[in-house]
Protein backbone atom coordinates (compact mmCIF):
# COMPACT_ATOMS: atom_id res chain seq x y z
CA MET A 1 1.54 -5.57 -2.46
CA GLY A 2 3.97 -2.69 -2.47
CA GLU A 3 3.05 0.92 -2.21
CA VAL A 4 3.48 3.58 -4.88
CA PRO A 5 3.21 7.35 -4.50
CA LEU A 6 0.12 9.15 -5.76
CA SER A 7 -0.22 12.88 -6.18
CA LEU A 8 -3.52 14.62 -6.74
CA HIS A 9 -5.09 18.02 -6.49
CA ILE A 10 -8.11 18.48 -4.25
CA LYS A 11 -10.11 21.51 -3.22
CA ALA A 12 -8.80 23.39 -0.20
CA ASP A 13 -12.01 22.72 1.72
CA THR A 14 -11.79 18.99 1.01
CA ASN A 15 -8.20 18.98 2.23
CA ARG A 16 -9.18 20.82 5.41
CA ARG A 17 -11.95 18.32 6.12
CA LEU A 18 -9.64 15.40 5.38
CA GLU A 19 -6.96 16.73 7.74
CA GLU A 20 -9.54 17.33 10.48
CA GLU A 21 -10.87 13.79 10.13
CA ALA A 22 -7.35 12.39 10.20
CA GLN A 23 -6.71 14.21 13.47
CA ARG A 24 -9.96 12.91 14.96
CA GLN A 25 -9.01 9.35 13.98
CA ASN A 26 -5.38 9.80 15.01
CA THR A 27 -4.21 8.65 11.59
CA SER A 28 -2.84 10.23 8.44
CA ALA A 29 -4.81 11.93 5.71
CA ALA A 30 -3.09 9.58 3.26
CA HIS A 31 -4.46 6.56 5.13
CA ILE A 32 -8.02 7.90 4.99
CA ALA A 33 -7.63 8.76 1.30
CA GLU A 34 -6.35 5.24 0.58
CA GLN A 35 -9.32 3.73 2.44
CA ALA A 36 -11.71 5.95 0.49
CA LEU A 37 -10.16 5.01 -2.85
CA THR A 38 -10.25 1.32 -1.97
CA TRP A 39 -13.91 1.56 -0.96
CA TYR A 40 -14.76 3.45 -4.16
CA LEU A 41 -13.02 0.95 -6.42
CA GLU A 42 -14.55 -2.06 -4.66
CA SER A 43 -17.98 -0.44 -4.88
CA ARG A 44 -17.61 0.21 -8.62
CA GLU A 45 -16.39 -3.36 -9.21
CA HIS A 46 -19.40 -4.71 -7.32
CA GLN A 47 -21.77 -2.51 -9.35
CA ARG A 48 -20.22 -3.74 -12.61
CA GLN A 49 -20.55 -7.35 -11.45
CA LEU A 50 -24.23 -6.86 -10.62
CA LEU A 51 -24.92 -5.18 -13.95
CA SER A 52 -23.17 -7.98 -15.78
CA GLU A 53 -25.20 -10.60 -13.92
CA HIS A 54 -28.47 -8.77 -14.60
CA ALA A 55 -27.59 -8.38 -18.26
CA ALA A 56 -26.86 -12.10 -18.50
CA GLU A 57 -30.20 -12.90 -16.84
CA ALA A 58 -32.04 -10.56 -19.19
CA ASN A 59 -30.34 -12.09 -22.22
CA ALA A 60 -31.29 -15.57 -21.00
CA VAL A 61 -34.93 -14.53 -20.67
CA LEU A 62 -34.96 -12.92 -24.12
CA SER A 63 -33.30 -15.88 -25.82
């Protein structure tokens, strides 16, 4: 997949912490932010999947 630019506003303290972590990992702040966003989205998708499965199980029991 190609890349697209993303611009966002974050608190100054969050930016400082992000930049410090990027230096510790010898990578870019953008790379860490992308990893964090990917993890967040995958986590939310997994949660939705689990809720959907549990709802289907509950409906089966109630039917």
